[in-house]
Protein backbone atom coordinates (compact mmCIF):
# COMPACT_ATOMS: atom_id res chain seq x y z
CA MET A 1 0.00 0.00 0.00
CA LYS A 2 2.83 2.42 0.83
CA THR A 3 4.51 1.73 -2.49
CA ALA A 4 1.30 2.20 -4.48
CA LEU A 5 0.48 5.45 -2.71
CA ALA A 6 3.97 6.87 -3.22
CA GLU A 7 3.89 6.02 -6.93
CA PHE A 8 0.40 7.47 -7.36
CA VAL A 9 1.23 10.76 -5.64
CA GLY A 10 4.58 11.18 -7.42
CA VAL A 11 3.24 10.66 -10.96
CA PHE A 12 0.19 12.79 -10.08
CA PHE A 13 2.40 15.78 -9.31
CA ILE A 14 4.56 15.25 -12.40
CA MET A 15 1.48 15.21 -14.65
CA LEU A 16 -0.01 18.18 -12.81
CA CYS A 17 3.22 20.14 -13.33
CA ILE A 18 3.26 19.36 -17.06
CA GLY A 19 -0.38 20.34 -17.58
CA CYS A 20 -0.19 23.56 -15.57
CA ASN A 21 2.98 24.69 -17.32
CA VAL A 22 1.38 24.27 -20.73
CA SER A 23 -2.01 25.72 -19.79
CA GLY A 24 -0.95 28.64 -17.60
CA ARG A 25 1.89 30.28 -19.50
CA GLU A 26 0.10 32.73 -21.76
CA GLU A 27 2.56 35.50 -20.83
CA PHE A 28 5.40 33.68 -22.62
CA SER A 29 5.77 33.84 -26.39
CA ASP A 30 6.95 30.22 -26.25
CA PRO A 31 5.30 28.58 -23.23
CA LEU A 32 7.15 25.30 -23.80
CA LEU A 33 10.57 26.94 -23.41
CA ILE A 34 10.52 26.82 -19.62
CA LEU A 35 8.54 23.57 -19.39
CA PRO A 36 11.46 21.07 -19.36
CA THR A 37 13.31 22.81 -16.53
CA SER A 38 10.12 23.12 -14.47
CA VAL A 39 9.25 19.43 -14.86
CA ALA A 40 12.86 18.37 -14.27
CA SER A 41 12.86 20.31 -11.00
CA MET A 42 9.65 18.56 -9.94
CA VAL A 43 11.07 15.13 -10.82
CA MET A 44 14.34 15.85 -9.00
CA ALA A 45 12.53 16.96 -5.85
CA LEU A 46 10.25 13.90 -5.88
CA TYR A 47 13.15 11.46 -6.26
CA TYR A 48 14.98 13.04 -3.35
CA GLY A 49 11.78 12.83 -1.32
CA CYS A 50 11.21 9.16 -2.23
CA PRO A 51 14.68 7.73 -3.02
CA LYS A 52 13.41 4.25 -3.95
CA ALA A 53 10.41 5.31 -6.02
CA HIS A 54 10.11 4.70 -9.77
CA PHE A 55 7.43 7.14 -11.07
CA ASN A 56 7.75 5.60 -14.53
CA PRO A 57 6.53 2.26 -15.96
CA ALA A 58 9.59 2.08 -18.23
CA VAL A 59 11.88 2.41 -15.22
CA THR A 60 9.87 -0.24 -13.35
CA LEU A 61 10.21 -2.68 -16.25
CA SER A 62 13.95 -2.02 -16.59
CA LEU A 63 14.41 -2.75 -12.88
CA ALA A 64 12.44 -5.98 -13.30
CA VAL A 65 14.45 -7.03 -16.36
CA THR A 66 17.70 -6.46 -14.47
CA ARG A 67 16.23 -8.31 -11.42
CA PHE A 68 16.40 -5.41 -9.01
CA VAL A 69 12.61 -5.64 -8.60
CA GLU A 70 10.53 -8.81 -8.53
CA TRP A 71 8.11 -9.29 -11.41
CA ARG A 72 5.17 -9.86 -9.07
CA GLU A 73 5.52 -6.25 -7.87
CA VAL A 74 5.48 -4.75 -11.39
CA PRO A 75 1.65 -4.60 -11.81
CA ILE A 76 1.28 -2.70 -8.53
CA TYR A 77 3.80 -0.09 -9.63
CA ILE A 78 2.44 0.36 -13.15
CA VAL A 79 -1.26 0.54 -12.18
CA SER A 80 -0.48 3.13 -9.50
CA GLN A 81 1.55 5.19 -11.97
CA VAL A 82 -1.13 5.15 -14.67
CA PHE A 83 -3.91 6.16 -12.29
CA GLY A 84 -1.72 8.90 -10.83
CA ALA A 85 -1.13 10.33 -14.32
CA LEU A 86 -4.84 10.21 -15.17
CA ALA A 87 -5.70 11.98 -11.91
CA GLY A 88 -3.09 14.64 -12.67
CA CYS A 89 -4.64 15.26 -16.11
CA LEU A 90 -8.11 15.71 -14.64
CA CYS A 91 -6.81 17.99 -11.89
CA TYR A 92 -4.91 20.42 -14.11
CA GLN A 93 -7.97 20.72 -16.36
CA GLN A 94 -9.94 21.87 -13.32
CA ILE A 95 -7.27 24.42 -12.37
CA HIS A 96 -7.16 25.88 -15.90
CA SER A 97 -10.70 25.94 -17.20
CA ASN A 98 -9.91 27.19 -20.72
CA PRO A 99 -9.84 24.09 -22.97
CA ALA A 100 -7.91 26.04 -25.62
CA ASN A 101 -4.86 25.97 -23.33
CA PHE A 102 -4.97 22.27 -22.55
CA LEU A 103 -2.31 19.86 -23.73
CA ALA A 104 -2.70 19.52 -27.49
CA ILE A 105 -1.88 16.31 -29.32
CA HIS A 106 0.33 16.67 -32.38
CA GLU A 107 -0.52 14.05 -34.95
CA HIS A 108 2.30 12.69 -37.09
CA PRO A 109 1.99 11.34 -40.64
CA ARG A 110 2.96 7.77 -41.35
CA SER A 111 6.24 8.92 -42.88
CA GLU A 112 7.36 10.12 -39.43
CA TYR A 113 6.42 6.99 -37.46
CA TYR A 114 9.89 5.46 -37.77
CA ASP A 115 11.58 8.72 -36.74
CA LEU A 116 9.19 9.03 -33.80
CA VAL A 117 9.97 5.51 -32.55
CA VAL A 118 13.75 5.99 -32.93
CA CYS A 119 13.86 9.34 -31.11
CA GLN A 120 11.61 8.06 -28.34
CA ALA A 121 13.74 4.91 -27.98
CA ILE A 122 16.98 6.92 -27.73
CA PHE A 123 15.83 9.18 -24.93
CA SER A 124 13.85 6.47 -23.14
CA THR A 125 17.07 4.45 -23.12
CA MET A 126 18.85 7.44 -21.60
CA MET A 127 16.21 7.80 -18.87
CA CYS A 128 16.21 4.13 -17.88
CA LEU A 129 19.98 3.81 -18.16
CA VAL A 130 20.70 6.85 -15.98
CA PHE A 131 18.22 5.55 -13.40
CA LEU A 132 19.87 2.12 -13.35
CA CYS A 133 23.33 3.67 -12.99
CA VAL A 134 22.63 6.17 -10.18
CA SER A 135 19.53 5.05 -8.27
CA PRO A 136 19.91 3.91 -4.64
CA ILE A 137 17.98 0.79 -5.66
CA THR A 138 20.78 -0.45 -7.91
CA THR A 139 23.94 1.01 -6.34
CA LYS A 140 25.60 -0.10 -3.12
CA ASN A 141 27.17 3.28 -2.40
CA LYS A 142 24.58 6.04 -2.22
CA LYS A 143 25.22 8.72 -4.80
CA GLN A 144 24.04 12.15 -3.76
CA PHE A 145 23.48 13.31 -7.35
CA TYR A 146 20.96 10.63 -8.35
CA GLY A 147 17.93 12.94 -8.32
CA LEU A 148 19.80 15.64 -10.23
CA ALA A 149 20.89 13.20 -12.94
CA ILE A 150 17.42 11.69 -13.42
CA GLY A 151 15.75 15.10 -13.58
CA PHE A 152 18.22 16.47 -16.13
CA VAL A 153 17.39 13.68 -18.58
CA ILE A 154 14.07 15.48 -19.11
CA ILE A 155 15.91 18.72 -19.95
CA ALA A 156 18.12 16.88 -22.43
CA GLN A 157 15.21 15.17 -24.17
CA ARG A 158 12.62 17.94 -24.22
CA HIS A 159 14.93 20.70 -25.42
CA SER A 160 16.37 18.39 -28.08
CA VAL A 161 13.28 17.11 -29.92
CA ARG A 162 10.32 19.09 -28.60
CA LYS A 163 9.97 20.93 -31.92
CA VAL A 164 9.14 17.71 -33.74
CA PHE A 165 7.89 15.31 -31.04
CA ARG A 166 6.16 17.40 -28.39
CA ASP A 167 4.22 14.61 -26.72
CA GLY A 168 7.09 12.33 -25.72
CA TRP A 169 8.02 12.28 -22.03
CA ASN A 170 9.93 8.98 -21.76
CA ASN A 171 7.13 7.86 -19.45
CA PRO A 172 4.40 5.48 -20.70
CA ALA A 173 2.03 6.52 -17.89
CA ILE A 174 2.26 10.20 -18.93
CA THR A 175 1.94 9.30 -22.62
CA PHE A 176 -1.13 7.14 -22.04
CA SER A 177 -2.86 9.74 -19.87
CA ILE A 178 -2.24 12.57 -22.36
CA TYR A 179 -3.54 10.59 -25.32
CA THR A 180 -6.59 9.20 -23.51
CA THR A 181 -7.79 12.54 -22.10
CA ALA A 182 -7.56 14.40 -25.43
CA PRO A 183 -8.77 13.59 -28.95
CA SER A 184 -5.90 11.73 -30.59
CA SER A 185 -4.98 8.94 -32.94
CA THR A 186 -4.04 5.52 -31.64
CA PRO A 187 -1.09 4.92 -34.05
CA THR A 188 0.81 7.97 -32.79
CA MET A 189 0.35 6.90 -29.17
CA LEU A 190 1.48 3.37 -30.01
CA CYS A 191 4.64 4.74 -31.66
CA HIS A 192 5.46 6.64 -28.48
CA LEU A 193 4.83 3.59 -26.32
CA LEU A 194 6.83 1.32 -28.62
CA GLY A 195 9.84 3.62 -28.46
CA GLU A 196 9.60 3.88 -24.69
CA PHE A 197 9.46 0.11 -24.23
CA LEU A 198 12.34 -0.42 -26.68
CA GLY A 199 14.37 1.86 -24.43
CA VAL A 200 13.73 -0.54 -21.54
CA GLY A 201 15.49 -3.41 -23.29
CA LEU A 202 18.38 -1.29 -24.58
CA ALA A 203 19.00 0.32 -21.19
CA SER A 204 18.99 -3.05 -19.42
CA MET A 205 21.48 -4.50 -21.89
CA ILE A 206 23.82 -1.48 -21.72
CA HIS A 207 23.76 -1.46 -17.92
CA GLY A 208 24.78 -5.10 -17.84
CA LEU A 209 27.71 -4.35 -20.17
CA THR A 210 28.94 -1.24 -18.37
CA PHE A 211 28.42 -2.32 -14.75
CA PRO A 212 29.09 -6.09 -14.55
CA GLU A 213 29.97 -5.72 -10.86
CA ALA A 214 26.29 -4.89 -10.16
CA TYR A 215 25.52 -8.47 -11.21
CA ASP A 216 28.33 -10.05 -9.14
CA LYS A 217 30.70 -10.22 -12.10
CA PRO A 218 34.24 -8.84 -12.22
CA GLY A 219 34.66 -5.42 -13.79
CA THR A 220 36.57 -5.29 -17.08
CA PHE A 221 38.28 -2.67 -19.18
CA MET A 222 35.82 -3.46 -21.96
CA ALA A 223 33.01 -2.20 -19.72
CA LYS A 224 34.76 1.18 -19.56
CA LEU A 225 35.08 1.31 -23.33
CA VAL A 226 31.38 0.56 -23.76
CA ALA A 227 30.57 3.34 -21.30
CA GLU A 228 32.65 5.80 -23.32
CA LEU A 229 31.00 4.69 -26.55
CA VAL A 230 27.46 4.99 -25.21
CA GLY A 231 28.06 8.31 -23.46
CA THR A 232 29.59 9.85 -26.58
CA PHE A 233 26.69 8.52 -28.66
CA PHE A 234 24.12 10.35 -26.52
CA LEU A 235 26.21 13.52 -26.55
CA VAL A 236 26.49 13.56 -30.36
CA VAL A 237 22.75 12.94 -30.80
CA THR A 238 21.93 15.88 -28.53
CA PHE A 239 24.36 18.13 -30.40
CA ALA A 240 22.79 17.08 -33.69
CA CYS A 241 19.25 17.86 -32.53
CA HIS A 242 20.38 21.29 -31.33
CA ILE A 243 22.18 22.23 -34.53
CA PHE A 244 19.75 20.72 -37.02
CA LEU A 245 16.55 21.91 -35.31
CA LYS A 246 18.06 25.25 -34.19
CA THR A 247 16.71 25.00 -30.65
CA ALA A 248 17.08 28.14 -28.52
CA MET A 249 18.05 26.20 -25.39
CA GLY A 250 20.45 23.83 -27.13
CA PRO A 251 23.48 24.52 -24.89
CA TRP A 252 21.30 23.84 -21.85
CA ALA A 253 20.24 20.48 -23.31
CA ILE A 254 23.83 19.57 -24.23
CA ALA A 255 25.03 20.46 -20.74
CA ALA A 256 22.23 18.35 -19.28
CA THR A 257 23.28 15.37 -21.39
CA LEU A 258 26.91 15.80 -20.35
CA LEU A 259 25.86 16.00 -16.70
CA CYS A 260 23.73 12.85 -16.98
CA MET A 261 26.45 10.83 -18.70
CA MET A 262 29.11 11.91 -16.22
CA CYS A 263 26.87 10.94 -13.32
CA ALA A 264 25.95 7.64 -14.96
CA PHE A 265 29.39 6.46 -16.09
CA GLY A 266 31.70 8.42 -13.80
CA SER A 267 32.27 5.40 -11.56
CA SER A 268 32.81 3.13 -14.56
CA SER A 269 35.06 4.87 -17.10
CA GLY A 270 35.48 8.34 -15.63
CA SER A 271 33.17 9.77 -18.32
CA HIS A 272 35.72 11.45 -20.56
CA LEU A 273 33.39 11.41 -23.60
CA ASN A 274 35.89 13.62 -25.41
CA PRO A 275 39.24 12.76 -27.06
CA ALA A 276 40.55 16.18 -26.05
CA VAL A 277 39.84 15.41 -22.40
CA THR A 278 41.45 11.97 -22.66
CA LEU A 279 44.54 13.55 -24.23
CA ALA A 280 44.71 16.19 -21.50
CA LEU A 281 44.49 13.52 -18.80
CA ARG A 282 47.22 11.54 -20.56
CA ILE A 283 49.59 14.50 -20.83
CA THR A 284 49.12 15.60 -17.24
CA GLY A 285 49.70 12.05 -15.99
CA ARG A 286 46.22 11.44 -14.62
CA SER A 287 45.36 7.74 -14.56
CA VAL A 288 42.98 6.47 -17.26
CA ASP A 289 42.94 2.80 -16.22
CA GLU A 290 45.07 1.24 -13.52
CA GLY A 291 45.02 -2.20 -15.08
CA SER A 292 46.54 -1.37 -18.46
CA PRO A 293 49.35 0.77 -19.86
CA LEU A 294 48.45 4.44 -19.80
CA SER A 295 49.08 5.10 -23.50
CA LEU A 296 47.14 2.03 -24.65
CA ALA A 297 44.19 2.82 -22.40
CA ALA A 298 44.02 6.40 -23.63
CA PHE A 299 44.20 5.24 -27.26
CA LEU A 300 41.36 2.75 -26.77
CA TYR A 301 39.27 5.42 -25.03
CA VAL A 302 39.66 7.69 -28.06
CA VAL A 303 38.75 4.84 -30.43
CA ALA A 304 35.59 4.10 -28.41
CA GLN A 305 34.60 7.77 -28.43
CA PHE A 306 35.01 8.11 -32.19
CA LEU A 307 33.12 4.85 -32.72
CA GLY A 308 30.23 6.16 -30.61
CA ALA A 309 30.19 9.33 -32.71
CA LEU A 310 30.07 7.33 -35.96
CA ILE A 311 27.17 5.20 -34.69
CA ALA A 312 25.34 8.39 -33.72
CA ALA A 313 25.93 9.78 -37.23
CA LEU A 314 24.36 6.67 -38.77
CA VAL A 315 21.31 6.98 -36.51
CA ILE A 316 20.98 10.68 -37.35
CA LYS A 317 21.10 9.90 -41.06
CA SER A 318 18.37 7.29 -40.60
CA ILE A 319 15.95 9.92 -39.24
CA SER A 320 16.95 12.61 -41.71
CA GLY A 321 13.35 12.86 -42.93
CA THR A 322 12.49 14.74 -39.76
CA LEU A 323 15.74 16.63 -39.24
CA VAL A 324 16.06 17.74 -42.91
CA LEU A 325 19.84 17.51 -43.02
CA ASP A 326 20.25 18.81 -46.57
CA ASP A 327 19.13 22.30 -45.56
CA VAL A 328 21.51 22.58 -42.62
CA ALA A 329 24.16 25.28 -42.94
CA PRO A 330 26.99 25.95 -40.50
CA VAL A 331 25.78 28.30 -37.78
CA PHE A 332 29.18 30.02 -37.88
CA GLU A 333 29.07 31.01 -41.57
CA SER A 334 28.89 34.75 -40.74
CA PHE A 335 32.12 34.67 -38.67
CA THR A 336 35.73 34.68 -39.77
CA PHE A 337 38.17 31.80 -39.58
CA ARG A 338 40.16 33.59 -36.86
CA GLN A 339 37.08 34.06 -34.69
CA LEU A 340 36.16 30.39 -35.01
CA ALA A 341 39.70 29.30 -34.14
CA LEU A 342 39.89 31.47 -31.02
CA ALA A 343 36.46 30.39 -29.77
CA GLU A 344 37.15 26.66 -30.18
CA ALA A 345 40.71 26.78 -28.85
CA PHE A 346 40.06 28.83 -25.72
CA PHE A 347 36.85 27.13 -24.65
CA THR A 348 38.13 23.63 -25.43
CA GLY A 349 41.05 24.41 -23.16
CA PHE A 350 38.68 25.78 -20.54
CA LEU A 351 36.56 22.61 -20.58
CA CYS A 352 39.61 20.32 -20.46
CA PHE A 353 41.14 22.29 -17.60
CA VAL A 354 38.01 21.85 -15.50
CA MET A 355 37.79 18.15 -16.34
CA VAL A 356 41.43 17.57 -15.39
CA SER A 357 41.10 19.67 -12.24
CA THR A 358 38.22 17.57 -10.91
CA ARG A 359 40.50 14.53 -11.10
CA ALA A 360 43.61 16.21 -9.64
CA MET A 361 45.11 15.42 -6.27
CA GLY A 362 43.22 16.80 -3.32
CA THR A 363 39.92 17.09 -5.17
CA ARG A 364 38.53 13.59 -4.77
CA ASP A 365 35.64 15.03 -2.80
CA LEU A 366 34.46 16.66 -6.05
CA THR A 367 33.38 13.33 -7.55
CA GLN A 368 29.83 13.80 -6.30
CA VAL A 369 29.46 17.14 -8.11
CA ALA A 370 31.86 16.67 -11.03
CA GLY A 371 28.96 16.30 -13.47
CA LEU A 372 27.39 19.54 -12.28
CA ILE A 373 30.74 21.37 -12.52
CA VAL A 374 31.47 20.25 -16.08
CA GLY A 375 27.84 20.73 -17.14
CA SER A 376 28.00 24.31 -15.86
CA CYS A 377 31.13 24.89 -17.94
CA MET A 378 29.35 23.57 -21.02
CA THR A 379 26.36 25.81 -20.36
CA ALA A 380 28.54 28.91 -20.03
CA ALA A 381 30.70 28.13 -23.06
CA GLY A 382 27.77 27.03 -25.24
CA PHE A 383 25.78 30.19 -24.75
CA ALA A 384 28.93 32.33 -25.01
CA VAL A 385 30.27 31.16 -28.40
CA GLY A 386 27.56 28.86 -29.72
CA ALA A 387 26.75 31.33 -32.50
CA VAL A 388 30.44 31.65 -33.43
CA SER A 389 31.69 28.07 -33.68
CA ALA A 390 28.66 25.93 -32.70
CA ALA A 391 30.48 25.29 -29.38
CA LEU A 392 31.61 21.76 -30.22
CA PHE A 393 34.85 21.56 -28.12
CA ASN A 394 35.02 17.84 -28.89
CA PRO A 395 36.72 16.07 -31.82
CA ALA A 396 34.33 13.10 -31.56
CA VAL A 397 31.27 15.35 -31.74
CA THR A 398 32.83 17.20 -34.67
CA LEU A 399 33.40 13.95 -36.55
CA GLY A 400 29.85 12.76 -35.91
CA LEU A 401 28.30 15.97 -37.19
CA VAL A 402 30.55 16.13 -40.25
CA MET A 403 29.64 12.55 -41.13
CA ALA A 404 25.91 13.20 -40.65
CA VAL A 405 25.51 16.47 -42.59
CA PRO A 406 26.16 16.33 -46.34
CA SER A 407 26.87 20.07 -46.56
CA TRP A 408 29.70 19.91 -43.99
CA SER A 409 32.98 19.02 -45.68
CA PRO A 410 35.69 16.80 -44.13
CA ARG A 411 37.98 19.84 -44.16
CA MET A 412 35.86 21.26 -41.35
CA PHE A 413 36.74 18.29 -39.15
CA PHE A 414 40.49 18.77 -39.56
CA SER A 415 40.22 22.52 -38.99
CA TYR A 416 38.24 22.01 -35.81
CA LEU A 417 40.59 19.24 -34.71
CA ALA A 418 43.59 21.56 -34.97
CA PHE A 419 41.87 24.27 -32.91
CA GLN A 420 40.70 21.81 -30.27
CA LEU A 421 44.12 20.17 -29.92
CA PHE A 422 45.75 23.57 -29.57
CA GLY A 423 43.31 24.39 -26.80
CA THR A 424 44.13 21.07 -25.13
CA MET A 425 47.85 21.91 -25.13
CA LEU A 426 47.12 25.30 -23.56
CA CYS A 427 45.06 23.56 -20.90
CA CYS A 428 47.86 21.14 -20.01
CA ILE A 429 50.50 23.87 -19.76
CA PHE A 430 48.29 26.07 -17.62
CA PHE A 431 47.24 23.18 -15.39
CA MET A 432 50.76 21.96 -14.67
CA ILE A 433 51.94 25.50 -13.87
CA THR A 434 49.02 26.49 -11.65
CA ARG A 435 48.34 23.19 -9.89
CA GLY A 436 51.95 22.46 -8.96
CA ARG A 437 53.99 19.31 -9.39
CA LEU A 438 52.60 16.00 -10.46
CA SER A 439 52.58 13.13 -8.01
CA ALA A 440 55.48 10.67 -8.09
CA GLU A 441 53.23 7.83 -9.30
CA ASP A 442 51.80 9.91 -12.13
CA VAL A 443 55.21 11.17 -13.24
CA SER A 444 56.69 7.66 -13.28
CA SER A 445 53.79 6.43 -15.44
CA SER A 446 54.01 9.17 -18.04
CA ARG A 447 57.04 10.10 -20.15
CA VAL A 448 55.23 13.20 -21.31
CA GLY A 449 54.57 14.00 -17.68
CA GLN A 450 58.28 13.57 -16.87
CA ALA A 451 59.29 15.98 -19.62
CA ALA A 452 56.68 18.49 -18.53
CA HIS A 453 57.81 18.09 -14.91
CA LYS A 454 61.45 18.86 -15.86
CA ALA A 455 60.36 21.84 -17.93
CA ILE A 456 58.37 23.23 -15.02
CA GLU A 457 61.37 22.75 -12.68
CA ALA A 458 63.62 24.61 -15.13
CA PHE A 459 61.04 27.36 -15.42
CA GLY A 460 60.87 27.64 -11.62
CA ALA A 461 64.68 27.77 -11.31
CA ALA A 462 64.90 30.51 -13.93
CA ALA A 463 62.18 32.48 -12.18
CA SER A 464 63.97 32.13 -8.83
CA ALA A 465 67.28 33.32 -10.33
CA SER A 466 65.54 36.29 -11.91
CA ALA A 467 64.01 37.20 -8.56
CA ASP A 468 67.44 37.05 -6.85
CA LEU A 469 68.96 39.22 -9.56
CA ALA A 470 66.18 41.75 -9.16
CA THR A 471 66.80 41.86 -5.38
CA VAL A 472 70.53 42.53 -5.88
CA ALA A 473 69.77 45.30 -8.36
CA ALA A 474 67.31 46.90 -5.97
CA ASP A 475 69.90 46.89 -3.18
CA ALA A 476 72.48 48.49 -5.46
CA LEU A 477 70.09 51.29 -6.40
CA ALA A 478 69.31 51.85 -2.75
CA ASP A 479 73.05 52.32 -2.04
CA LEU A 480 73.31 54.97 -4.75
CA GLY A 481 70.45 56.94 -3.23
CA ASP A 482 67.80 58.97 -4.97
CA PRO A 483 69.38 60.95 -7.88
CA PHE A 484 66.30 63.13 -8.28
CA GLY A 485 65.88 64.37 -4.77
CA GLU A 486 67.21 64.10 -1.29
CA LYS A 487 69.94 61.56 -0.81
CA THR A 488 69.47 58.67 1.45
CA ASP A 489 71.00 59.32 4.82
CA LYS A 490 73.30 56.37 4.65
CA THR A 491 75.88 57.87 7.02
CA ASP A 492 73.38 58.05 9.85
CA LYS A 493 72.61 54.37 9.42
CA THR A 494 76.26 53.34 9.22
CA ALA A 495 77.18 55.60 12.10
CA GLU A 496 74.83 53.79 14.36
CA LYS A 497 76.91 51.63 16.62
CA SER A 498 75.95 48.26 17.77
CA PRO A 499 75.48 47.77 21.54
CA ALA A 500 78.50 45.48 21.67
CA LYS A 501 80.81 48.09 20.09
CA GLU A 502 79.59 50.84 22.47
CA SER A 503 80.27 48.69 25.53
CA THR A 504 83.80 47.93 24.27
CA GLU A 505 84.64 51.63 23.87
CA ALA A 506 83.29 52.41 27.33
CA VAL A 507 85.68 49.88 28.88
């Protein structure tokens, strides 16, 4: 009874929040712009209030498939969630009495059914996967960020595809209640539900591959590579939706995806999701994998990231009927080559510096908020130079977009790669100067780190010698006195006798 009541009340408030945001936002020119953040905040608060709740039939099924919940409990969860969503629909319609402002169903032609199922499956997979990776139900060590990560999946999904698929919420209970309380077509609802249930199977499979220790199996390096591949895949898809659909809140959605993936896979692979970040960690001597040589591990990480980007490009091409890739032009076409280079180099370095800093010595307590820190960096950088260079800052993302868009030439990839690598080098130099010496273990495991360590020592010795020389010069000038005014009364100072000398003369 307690479980059923908690599920009913939680889904009721989520549905009530969705309906009231849509129906009561006449003062905004785009009422759906603020909707994802509002609903994500509601979801986050509810999960922190009920840490072991599901609030989503897809999540319940994924927990049952992975054997974290018994199958006999599944009907109780799902029935409670569906009735809670229906009650929320009826309640918001009583609060806002104008039917013209109610949730409207957007019918899709048959040509968009495949695209609808694929997009719904992608983001439903993200929702269930993030839940499996961070929820207190599935993890032995409680992660404080679990509610934040689950809530931000909604921001990532809604800001990415809301222009084409407005009725998808990665929640079959919400989908069913919306389509049953408003005039709608059954095929469109079934496409949503099919995509959401496909996400259940994909998320369960990926979780088993990336976290074998959750199923009493030994962890492997391959699990880390799969985590990097999957995380980069979701990041590239979100970037593509932002650029191709020209969403106003694209950087916010990209930052939300980065936050979710870092929270989900941070304890598995470290969530680099970026060849530039992996390279920066390699140069600064930070450990990539303790069980394999540092250079080999970094190389395999980069291969997995690029492979995830290529898979994302293939998926994007498969739904090109909705995204209309042929009409996509670079968002930076009105800026010069120099402006693009500076934007990508500086902000790639900025992002890498923050990523490396969260893994530096003395900052292990930042692991709980590392996703929020890096996501905040992506939000700031994306809104700052998104119109200049598209704010990619990631060679894997660049490759995925170049492969997906026919109008983007391969030359763009190599140009971006040069700027991003230059920014990575700046990050490494600045980090090793400002954060001090590397640890003995890190230096011994990295030849590049050894060379950088010696260079920093030489730089410090030269700076110390320069400071000594400047002190000697200052003393010499003081002895000469002030040539432009009164001379320094040196004789008075030298005439002062020490107490020992005065006592000798007195004797």
